[in-house]
Full PDB file with SEQRES, HELIX, SHEET, SSBOND, CRYST1, ORIGX, SCALE, CONECT and MASTER records, all heavy atoms in Angstrom:
SEQRES   1 A   35  VAL SER ASP GLY VAL ILE LEU GLY TYR GLY LEU SER THR          
SEQRES   2 A   35  VAL THR ALA GLU VAL VAL SER SER THR ASP ASN GLU LEU          
SEQRES   3 A   35  ARG LEU LYS TRP GLN VAL GLU GLY GLY                          
HELIX    1 AA1 GLY A    4  GLY A    8  1                                   5    
SHEET    1 AA1 2 GLU A  17  SER A  21  0                                        
SHEET    2 AA1 2 LEU A  26  LYS A  29 -1                                        
CRYST1    1.000    1.000    1.000  90.00  90.00  90.00 P 1           1          
ORIGX1      1.000000  0.000000  0.000000        0.00000                         
ORIGX2      0.000000  1.000000  0.000000        0.00000                         
ORIGX3      0.000000  0.000000  1.000000        0.00000                         
SCALE1      1.000000  0.000000  0.000000        0.00000                         
SCALE2      0.000000  1.000000  0.000000        0.00000                         
SCALE3      0.000000  0.000000  1.000000        0.00000                         
ATOM      1  N   VAL A   1       2.239   3.689 -11.467  1.00  0.00           N  
ATOM      2  CA  VAL A   1       2.573   2.663 -12.432  1.00  0.00           C  
ATOM      3  C   VAL A   1       2.123   3.193 -13.797  1.00  0.00           C  
ATOM      4  O   VAL A   1       1.123   3.851 -13.963  1.00  0.00           O  
ATOM      5  CB  VAL A   1       1.803   1.332 -12.182  1.00  0.00           C  
ATOM      6  CG1 VAL A   1       2.094   0.332 -13.245  1.00  0.00           C  
ATOM      7  CG2 VAL A   1       2.116   0.829 -10.773  1.00  0.00           C  
ATOM      8  N   SER A   2       2.969   2.829 -14.848  1.00  0.00           N  
ATOM      9  CA  SER A   2       2.538   3.167 -16.183  1.00  0.00           C  
ATOM     10  C   SER A   2       3.007   2.009 -17.127  1.00  0.00           C  
ATOM     11  O   SER A   2       4.034   1.371 -16.846  1.00  0.00           O  
ATOM     12  CB  SER A   2       3.235   4.407 -16.711  1.00  0.00           C  
ATOM     13  OG  SER A   2       2.744   4.752 -18.035  1.00  0.00           O  
ATOM     14  N   ASP A   3       2.152   1.684 -18.007  1.00  0.00           N  
ATOM     15  CA  ASP A   3       2.453   0.597 -19.034  1.00  0.00           C  
ATOM     16  C   ASP A   3       1.541   0.720 -20.202  1.00  0.00           C  
ATOM     17  O   ASP A   3       0.779   1.705 -20.329  1.00  0.00           O  
ATOM     18  CB  ASP A   3       2.314  -0.831 -18.368  1.00  0.00           C  
ATOM     19  CG  ASP A   3       0.915  -1.208 -18.029  1.00  0.00           C  
ATOM     20  OD1 ASP A   3      -0.040  -0.407 -18.284  1.00  0.00           O  
ATOM     21  OD2 ASP A   3       0.691  -2.299 -17.497  1.00  0.00           O  
ATOM     22  N   GLY A   4       1.685  -0.151 -21.140  1.00  0.00           N  
ATOM     23  CA  GLY A   4       0.877  -0.062 -22.350  1.00  0.00           C  
ATOM     24  C   GLY A   4      -0.592  -0.196 -22.195  1.00  0.00           C  
ATOM     25  O   GLY A   4      -1.353   0.457 -22.877  1.00  0.00           O  
ATOM     26  N   VAL A   5      -1.007  -0.950 -21.172  1.00  0.00           N  
ATOM     27  CA  VAL A   5      -2.467  -1.081 -20.897  1.00  0.00           C  
ATOM     28  C   VAL A   5      -3.000   0.242 -20.459  1.00  0.00           C  
ATOM     29  O   VAL A   5      -3.982   0.803 -20.842  1.00  0.00           O  
ATOM     30  CB  VAL A   5      -2.714  -2.201 -19.861  1.00  0.00           C  
ATOM     31  CG1 VAL A   5      -4.206  -2.239 -19.486  1.00  0.00           C  
ATOM     32  CG2 VAL A   5      -2.247  -3.557 -20.385  1.00  0.00           C  
ATOM     33  N   ILE A   6      -2.319   0.875 -19.463  1.00  0.00           N  
ATOM     34  CA  ILE A   6      -2.704   2.160 -18.900  1.00  0.00           C  
ATOM     35  C   ILE A   6      -2.759   3.199 -19.973  1.00  0.00           C  
ATOM     36  O   ILE A   6      -3.688   3.936 -20.053  1.00  0.00           O  
ATOM     37  CB  ILE A   6      -1.800   2.552 -17.739  1.00  0.00           C  
ATOM     38  CG1 ILE A   6      -1.895   1.580 -16.576  1.00  0.00           C  
ATOM     39  CG2 ILE A   6      -1.989   3.969 -17.259  1.00  0.00           C  
ATOM     40  CD1 ILE A   6      -0.860   1.598 -15.448  1.00  0.00           C  
ATOM     41  N   LEU A   7      -1.699   3.242 -20.792  1.00  0.00           N  
ATOM     42  CA  LEU A   7      -1.702   4.239 -21.916  1.00  0.00           C  
ATOM     43  C   LEU A   7      -2.803   3.960 -22.951  1.00  0.00           C  
ATOM     44  O   LEU A   7      -3.462   4.860 -23.476  1.00  0.00           O  
ATOM     45  CB  LEU A   7      -0.348   4.164 -22.635  1.00  0.00           C  
ATOM     46  CG  LEU A   7       0.821   4.618 -21.721  1.00  0.00           C  
ATOM     47  CD1 LEU A   7       2.154   4.367 -22.454  1.00  0.00           C  
ATOM     48  CD2 LEU A   7       0.716   6.080 -21.325  1.00  0.00           C  
ATOM     49  N   GLY A   8      -3.024   2.627 -23.168  1.00  0.00           N  
ATOM     50  CA  GLY A   8      -4.179   2.283 -24.007  1.00  0.00           C  
ATOM     51  C   GLY A   8      -5.552   2.627 -23.512  1.00  0.00           C  
ATOM     52  O   GLY A   8      -6.461   2.819 -24.326  1.00  0.00           O  
ATOM     53  N   TYR A   9      -5.689   2.858 -22.180  1.00  0.00           N  
ATOM     54  CA  TYR A   9      -6.865   3.267 -21.605  1.00  0.00           C  
ATOM     55  C   TYR A   9      -7.034   4.782 -21.649  1.00  0.00           C  
ATOM     56  O   TYR A   9      -7.937   5.383 -21.097  1.00  0.00           O  
ATOM     57  CB  TYR A   9      -7.041   2.770 -20.170  1.00  0.00           C  
ATOM     58  CG  TYR A   9      -7.680   1.418 -20.058  1.00  0.00           C  
ATOM     59  CD1 TYR A   9      -7.163   0.306 -20.725  1.00  0.00           C  
ATOM     60  CD2 TYR A   9      -8.690   1.215 -19.193  1.00  0.00           C  
ATOM     61  CE1 TYR A   9      -7.739  -0.941 -20.587  1.00  0.00           C  
ATOM     62  CE2 TYR A   9      -9.251  -0.039 -18.989  1.00  0.00           C  
ATOM     63  CZ  TYR A   9      -8.781  -1.107 -19.731  1.00  0.00           C  
ATOM     64  OH  TYR A   9      -9.415  -2.344 -19.592  1.00  0.00           O  
ATOM     65  N   GLY A  10      -6.043   5.464 -22.233  1.00  0.00           N  
ATOM     66  CA  GLY A  10      -5.985   6.883 -22.284  1.00  0.00           C  
ATOM     67  C   GLY A  10      -5.468   7.597 -21.051  1.00  0.00           C  
ATOM     68  O   GLY A  10      -5.726   8.825 -20.888  1.00  0.00           O  
ATOM     69  N   LEU A  11      -4.848   6.918 -20.195  1.00  0.00           N  
ATOM     70  CA  LEU A  11      -4.264   7.472 -18.965  1.00  0.00           C  
ATOM     71  C   LEU A  11      -2.657   7.472 -19.167  1.00  0.00           C  
ATOM     72  O   LEU A  11      -2.134   6.807 -19.961  1.00  0.00           O  
ATOM     73  CB  LEU A  11      -4.647   6.585 -17.779  1.00  0.00           C  
ATOM     74  CG  LEU A  11      -6.180   6.385 -17.574  1.00  0.00           C  
ATOM     75  CD1 LEU A  11      -6.340   5.299 -16.505  1.00  0.00           C  
ATOM     76  CD2 LEU A  11      -6.800   7.657 -17.248  1.00  0.00           C  
ATOM     77  N   SER A  12      -2.063   8.247 -18.328  1.00  0.00           N  
ATOM     78  CA  SER A  12      -0.566   8.165 -18.319  1.00  0.00           C  
ATOM     79  C   SER A  12      -0.034   7.368 -17.191  1.00  0.00           C  
ATOM     80  O   SER A  12       0.921   6.550 -17.285  1.00  0.00           O  
ATOM     81  CB  SER A  12       0.039   9.580 -18.223  1.00  0.00           C  
ATOM     82  OG  SER A  12      -0.416  10.243 -17.105  1.00  0.00           O  
ATOM     83  N   THR A  13      -0.607   7.455 -16.026  1.00  0.00           N  
ATOM     84  CA  THR A  13      -0.263   6.696 -14.827  1.00  0.00           C  
ATOM     85  C   THR A  13      -1.465   6.386 -14.021  1.00  0.00           C  
ATOM     86  O   THR A  13      -2.502   6.984 -14.131  1.00  0.00           O  
ATOM     87  CB  THR A  13       0.769   7.345 -13.908  1.00  0.00           C  
ATOM     88  OG1 THR A  13       0.173   8.567 -13.414  1.00  0.00           O  
ATOM     89  CG2 THR A  13       2.074   7.685 -14.644  1.00  0.00           C  
ATOM     90  N   VAL A  14      -1.349   5.358 -13.125  1.00  0.00           N  
ATOM     91  CA  VAL A  14      -2.322   5.092 -12.090  1.00  0.00           C  
ATOM     92  C   VAL A  14      -1.572   4.926 -10.754  1.00  0.00           C  
ATOM     93  O   VAL A  14      -0.331   4.559 -10.781  1.00  0.00           O  
ATOM     94  CB  VAL A  14      -3.146   3.792 -12.360  1.00  0.00           C  
ATOM     95  CG1 VAL A  14      -4.042   4.020 -13.639  1.00  0.00           C  
ATOM     96  CG2 VAL A  14      -2.358   2.567 -12.429  1.00  0.00           C  
ATOM     97  N   THR A  15      -2.282   5.143  -9.728  1.00  0.00           N  
ATOM     98  CA  THR A  15      -1.684   5.026  -8.330  1.00  0.00           C  
ATOM     99  C   THR A  15      -1.832   3.555  -7.958  1.00  0.00           C  
ATOM    100  O   THR A  15      -2.895   2.903  -8.131  1.00  0.00           O  
ATOM    101  CB  THR A  15      -2.424   5.882  -7.379  1.00  0.00           C  
ATOM    102  OG1 THR A  15      -2.359   7.237  -7.771  1.00  0.00           O  
ATOM    103  CG2 THR A  15      -1.874   5.775  -5.957  1.00  0.00           C  
ATOM    104  N   ALA A  16      -0.706   3.065  -7.405  1.00  0.00           N  
ATOM    105  CA  ALA A  16      -0.727   1.682  -6.894  1.00  0.00           C  
ATOM    106  C   ALA A  16      -0.680   1.685  -5.362  1.00  0.00           C  
ATOM    107  O   ALA A  16      -0.275   2.649  -4.764  1.00  0.00           O  
ATOM    108  CB  ALA A  16       0.529   0.923  -7.409  1.00  0.00           C  
ATOM    109  N   GLU A  17      -1.071   0.588  -4.738  1.00  0.00           N  
ATOM    110  CA  GLU A  17      -1.021   0.445  -3.306  1.00  0.00           C  
ATOM    111  C   GLU A  17       0.026  -0.579  -2.948  1.00  0.00           C  
ATOM    112  O   GLU A  17       0.113  -1.632  -3.567  1.00  0.00           O  
ATOM    113  CB  GLU A  17      -2.379  -0.029  -2.833  1.00  0.00           C  
ATOM    114  CG  GLU A  17      -2.449  -0.278  -1.331  1.00  0.00           C  
ATOM    115  CD  GLU A  17      -3.738  -0.885  -0.898  1.00  0.00           C  
ATOM    116  OE1 GLU A  17      -4.803  -0.638  -1.555  1.00  0.00           O  
ATOM    117  OE2 GLU A  17      -3.789  -1.601   0.130  1.00  0.00           O  
ATOM    118  N   VAL A  18       0.844  -0.212  -1.882  1.00  0.00           N  
ATOM    119  CA  VAL A  18       1.853  -1.165  -1.473  1.00  0.00           C  
ATOM    120  C   VAL A  18       1.087  -2.229  -0.557  1.00  0.00           C  
ATOM    121  O   VAL A  18       0.537  -1.814   0.507  1.00  0.00           O  
ATOM    122  CB  VAL A  18       2.955  -0.488  -0.664  1.00  0.00           C  
ATOM    123  CG1 VAL A  18       3.909  -1.510  -0.116  1.00  0.00           C  
ATOM    124  CG2 VAL A  18       3.706   0.445  -1.543  1.00  0.00           C  
ATOM    125  N   VAL A  19       1.106  -3.467  -0.961  1.00  0.00           N  
ATOM    126  CA  VAL A  19       0.503  -4.546  -0.125  1.00  0.00           C  
ATOM    127  C   VAL A  19       1.460  -4.956   0.959  1.00  0.00           C  
ATOM    128  O   VAL A  19       1.103  -5.069   2.106  1.00  0.00           O  
ATOM    129  CB  VAL A  19       0.098  -5.705  -1.007  1.00  0.00           C  
ATOM    130  CG1 VAL A  19      -0.432  -6.866  -0.145  1.00  0.00           C  
ATOM    131  CG2 VAL A  19      -0.933  -5.253  -2.072  1.00  0.00           C  
ATOM    132  N   SER A  20       2.777  -5.130   0.559  1.00  0.00           N  
ATOM    133  CA  SER A  20       3.805  -5.405   1.516  1.00  0.00           C  
ATOM    134  C   SER A  20       5.159  -5.019   0.943  1.00  0.00           C  
ATOM    135  O   SER A  20       5.330  -5.017  -0.271  1.00  0.00           O  
ATOM    136  CB  SER A  20       3.750  -6.872   1.922  1.00  0.00           C  
ATOM    137  OG  SER A  20       4.162  -7.705   0.901  1.00  0.00           O  
ATOM    138  N   SER A  21       6.061  -4.670   1.776  1.00  0.00           N  
ATOM    139  CA  SER A  21       7.401  -4.283   1.458  1.00  0.00           C  
ATOM    140  C   SER A  21       8.422  -4.801   2.462  1.00  0.00           C  
ATOM    141  O   SER A  21       8.320  -4.428   3.618  1.00  0.00           O  
ATOM    142  CB  SER A  21       7.507  -2.792   1.297  1.00  0.00           C  
ATOM    143  OG  SER A  21       8.802  -2.430   0.911  1.00  0.00           O  
ATOM    144  N   THR A  22       9.228  -5.720   2.027  1.00  0.00           N  
ATOM    145  CA  THR A  22      10.284  -6.317   2.892  1.00  0.00           C  
ATOM    146  C   THR A  22      11.645  -6.189   2.203  1.00  0.00           C  
ATOM    147  O   THR A  22      11.665  -5.813   1.056  1.00  0.00           O  
ATOM    148  CB  THR A  22       9.975  -7.776   3.275  1.00  0.00           C  
ATOM    149  OG1 THR A  22      10.089  -8.546   2.034  1.00  0.00           O  
ATOM    150  CG2 THR A  22       8.550  -7.971   3.842  1.00  0.00           C  
ATOM    151  N   ASP A  23      12.671  -6.701   2.816  1.00  0.00           N  
ATOM    152  CA  ASP A  23      14.030  -6.750   2.229  1.00  0.00           C  
ATOM    153  C   ASP A  23      13.966  -7.658   0.989  1.00  0.00           C  
ATOM    154  O   ASP A  23      14.808  -7.635   0.084  1.00  0.00           O  
ATOM    155  CB  ASP A  23      15.035  -7.172   3.161  1.00  0.00           C  
ATOM    156  CG  ASP A  23      15.312  -5.993   4.221  1.00  0.00           C  
ATOM    157  OD1 ASP A  23      14.951  -4.835   3.983  1.00  0.00           O  
ATOM    158  OD2 ASP A  23      15.928  -6.332   5.312  1.00  0.00           O  
ATOM    159  N   ASN A  24      13.071  -8.698   1.049  1.00  0.00           N  
ATOM    160  CA  ASN A  24      13.033  -9.747   0.006  1.00  0.00           C  
ATOM    161  C   ASN A  24      12.107  -9.524  -1.138  1.00  0.00           C  
ATOM    162  O   ASN A  24      12.254 -10.026  -2.233  1.00  0.00           O  
ATOM    163  CB  ASN A  24      12.669 -11.047   0.673  1.00  0.00           C  
ATOM    164  CG  ASN A  24      13.727 -11.536   1.643  1.00  0.00           C  
ATOM    165  OD1 ASN A  24      14.921 -11.342   1.442  1.00  0.00           O  
ATOM    166  ND2 ASN A  24      13.334 -12.192   2.735  1.00  0.00           N  
ATOM    167  N   GLU A  25      11.082  -8.662  -0.910  1.00  0.00           N  
ATOM    168  CA  GLU A  25      10.088  -8.469  -2.031  1.00  0.00           C  
ATOM    169  C   GLU A  25       9.256  -7.219  -1.763  1.00  0.00           C  
ATOM    170  O   GLU A  25       9.046  -6.748  -0.621  1.00  0.00           O  
ATOM    171  CB  GLU A  25       9.214  -9.695  -2.220  1.00  0.00           C  
ATOM    172  CG  GLU A  25       8.191  -9.888  -1.151  1.00  0.00           C  
ATOM    173  CD  GLU A  25       7.248 -11.107  -1.469  1.00  0.00           C  
ATOM    174  OE1 GLU A  25       7.559 -11.922  -2.346  1.00  0.00           O  
ATOM    175  OE2 GLU A  25       6.225 -11.190  -0.729  1.00  0.00           O  
ATOM    176  N   LEU A  26       8.737  -6.717  -2.929  1.00  0.00           N  
ATOM    177  CA  LEU A  26       7.744  -5.654  -2.867  1.00  0.00           C  
ATOM    178  C   LEU A  26       6.473  -6.144  -3.563  1.00  0.00           C  
ATOM    179  O   LEU A  26       6.576  -6.686  -4.679  1.00  0.00           O  
ATOM    180  CB  LEU A  26       8.341  -4.427  -3.567  1.00  0.00           C  
ATOM    181  CG  LEU A  26       7.396  -3.273  -3.847  1.00  0.00           C  
ATOM    182  CD1 LEU A  26       6.958  -2.612  -2.554  1.00  0.00           C  
ATOM    183  CD2 LEU A  26       8.038  -2.244  -4.780  1.00  0.00           C  
ATOM    184  N   ARG A  27       5.337  -6.027  -2.895  1.00  0.00           N  
ATOM    185  CA  ARG A  27       4.083  -6.434  -3.493  1.00  0.00           C  
ATOM    186  C   ARG A  27       3.154  -5.257  -3.634  1.00  0.00           C  
ATOM    187  O   ARG A  27       3.032  -4.435  -2.687  1.00  0.00           O  
ATOM    188  CB  ARG A  27       3.375  -7.481  -2.636  1.00  0.00           C  
ATOM    189  CG  ARG A  27       4.024  -8.799  -2.705  1.00  0.00           C  
ATOM    190  CD  ARG A  27       3.266  -9.803  -1.813  1.00  0.00           C  
ATOM    191  NE  ARG A  27       3.844 -11.171  -1.812  1.00  0.00           N  
ATOM    192  CZ  ARG A  27       3.482 -12.140  -2.573  1.00  0.00           C  
ATOM    193  NH1 ARG A  27       2.497 -12.022  -3.438  1.00  0.00           N  
ATOM    194  NH2 ARG A  27       4.065 -13.292  -2.558  1.00  0.00           N  
ATOM    195  N   LEU A  28       2.606  -5.080  -4.868  1.00  0.00           N  
ATOM    196  CA  LEU A  28       1.751  -3.968  -5.175  1.00  0.00           C  
ATOM    197  C   LEU A  28       0.462  -4.429  -5.722  1.00  0.00           C  
ATOM    198  O   LEU A  28       0.414  -5.545  -6.345  1.00  0.00           O  
ATOM    199  CB  LEU A  28       2.474  -3.080  -6.229  1.00  0.00           C  
ATOM    200  CG  LEU A  28       3.830  -2.557  -5.932  1.00  0.00           C  
ATOM    201  CD1 LEU A  28       4.449  -2.014  -7.160  1.00  0.00           C  
ATOM    202  CD2 LEU A  28       3.800  -1.545  -4.843  1.00  0.00           C  
ATOM    203  N   LYS A  29      -0.537  -3.550  -5.733  1.00  0.00           N  
ATOM    204  CA  LYS A  29      -1.817  -3.776  -6.469  1.00  0.00           C  
ATOM    205  C   LYS A  29      -2.306  -2.471  -6.977  1.00  0.00           C  
ATOM    206  O   LYS A  29      -2.024  -1.396  -6.442  1.00  0.00           O  
ATOM    207  CB  LYS A  29      -2.872  -4.513  -5.657  1.00  0.00           C  
ATOM    208  CG  LYS A  29      -3.428  -3.731  -4.479  1.00  0.00           C  
ATOM    209  CD  LYS A  29      -4.529  -4.537  -3.774  1.00  0.00           C  
ATOM    210  CE  LYS A  29      -5.072  -3.670  -2.631  1.00  0.00           C  
ATOM    211  NZ  LYS A  29      -6.226  -4.436  -1.942  1.00  0.00           N  
ATOM    212  N   TRP A  30      -2.954  -2.538  -8.171  1.00  0.00           N  
ATOM    213  CA  TRP A  30      -3.604  -1.320  -8.743  1.00  0.00           C  
ATOM    214  C   TRP A  30      -4.771  -1.719  -9.623  1.00  0.00           C  
ATOM    215  O   TRP A  30      -4.877  -2.874  -9.999  1.00  0.00           O  
ATOM    216  CB  TRP A  30      -2.513  -0.528  -9.534  1.00  0.00           C  
ATOM    217  CG  TRP A  30      -1.924  -1.137 -10.762  1.00  0.00           C  
ATOM    218  CD1 TRP A  30      -2.371  -1.025 -12.020  1.00  0.00           C  
ATOM    219  CD2 TRP A  30      -0.765  -1.984 -10.854  1.00  0.00           C  
ATOM    220  NE1 TRP A  30      -1.547  -1.744 -12.916  1.00  0.00           N  
ATOM    221  CE2 TRP A  30      -0.576  -2.314 -12.124  1.00  0.00           C  
ATOM    222  CE3 TRP A  30       0.142  -2.476  -9.813  1.00  0.00           C  
ATOM    223  CZ2 TRP A  30       0.542  -3.183 -12.556  1.00  0.00           C  
ATOM    224  CZ3 TRP A  30       1.190  -3.334 -10.227  1.00  0.00           C  
ATOM    225  CH2 TRP A  30       1.331  -3.612 -11.585  1.00  0.00           C  
ATOM    226  N   GLN A  31      -5.510  -0.755  -9.976  1.00  0.00           N  
ATOM    227  CA  GLN A  31      -6.657  -0.924 -10.854  1.00  0.00           C  
ATOM    228  C   GLN A  31      -6.672   0.080 -11.965  1.00  0.00           C  
ATOM    229  O   GLN A  31      -6.392   1.277 -11.686  1.00  0.00           O  
ATOM    230  CB  GLN A  31      -7.993  -0.887 -10.076  1.00  0.00           C  
ATOM    231  CG  GLN A  31      -9.185  -1.093 -10.924  1.00  0.00           C  
ATOM    232  CD  GLN A  31     -10.466  -1.340 -10.166  1.00  0.00           C  
ATOM    233  OE1 GLN A  31     -10.437  -1.978  -9.106  1.00  0.00           O  
ATOM    234  NE2 GLN A  31     -11.569  -0.753 -10.620  1.00  0.00           N  
ATOM    235  N   VAL A  32      -6.992  -0.335 -13.169  1.00  0.00           N  
ATOM    236  CA  VAL A  32      -7.179   0.588 -14.261  1.00  0.00           C  
ATOM    237  C   VAL A  32      -8.687   0.554 -14.565  1.00  0.00           C  
ATOM    238  O   VAL A  32      -9.262  -0.412 -14.885  1.00  0.00           O  
ATOM    239  CB  VAL A  32      -6.408   0.132 -15.565  1.00  0.00           C  
ATOM    240  CG1 VAL A  32      -6.535   1.092 -16.645  1.00  0.00           C  
ATOM    241  CG2 VAL A  32      -4.944  -0.167 -15.197  1.00  0.00           C  
ATOM    242  N   GLU A  33      -9.316   1.716 -14.321  1.00  0.00           N  
ATOM    243  CA  GLU A  33     -10.732   1.833 -14.520  1.00  0.00           C  
ATOM    244  C   GLU A  33     -11.090   1.962 -15.977  1.00  0.00           C  
ATOM    245  O   GLU A  33     -10.558   2.746 -16.730  1.00  0.00           O  
ATOM    246  CB  GLU A  33     -11.284   3.001 -13.771  1.00  0.00           C  
ATOM    247  CG  GLU A  33     -11.172   2.751 -12.305  1.00  0.00           C  
ATOM    248  CD  GLU A  33     -11.859   3.854 -11.432  1.00  0.00           C  
ATOM    249  OE1 GLU A  33     -12.699   4.589 -11.971  1.00  0.00           O  
ATOM    250  OE2 GLU A  33     -11.597   3.931 -10.237  1.00  0.00           O  
ATOM    251  N   GLY A  34     -12.093   1.136 -16.426  1.00  0.00           N  
ATOM    252  CA  GLY A  34     -12.519   1.132 -17.822  1.00  0.00           C  
ATOM    253  C   GLY A  34     -13.671   2.151 -17.967  1.00  0.00           C  
ATOM    254  O   GLY A  34     -13.821   3.074 -17.232  1.00  0.00           O  
ATOM    255  N   GLY A  35     -14.489   1.866 -18.955  1.00  0.00           N  
ATOM    256  CA  GLY A  35     -15.651   2.706 -19.192  1.00  0.00           C  
ATOM    257  C   GLY A  35     -15.780   2.946 -20.677  1.00  0.00           C  
ATOM    258  O   GLY A  35     -15.112   2.423 -21.537  1.00  0.00           O  
TER     259      GLY A  35                                                      
MASTER        0    0    0    1    2    0    0    6  258    1    0    3          
END                                                                             
């Protein structure tokens, strides 16, 4: 995943985890580490 928050944290992308994936929806989660 990449977005303005991730770029604002000085990163280009972060890895996301697929929580579930069906024909009807895709659910993801990810964390942007601060510091």
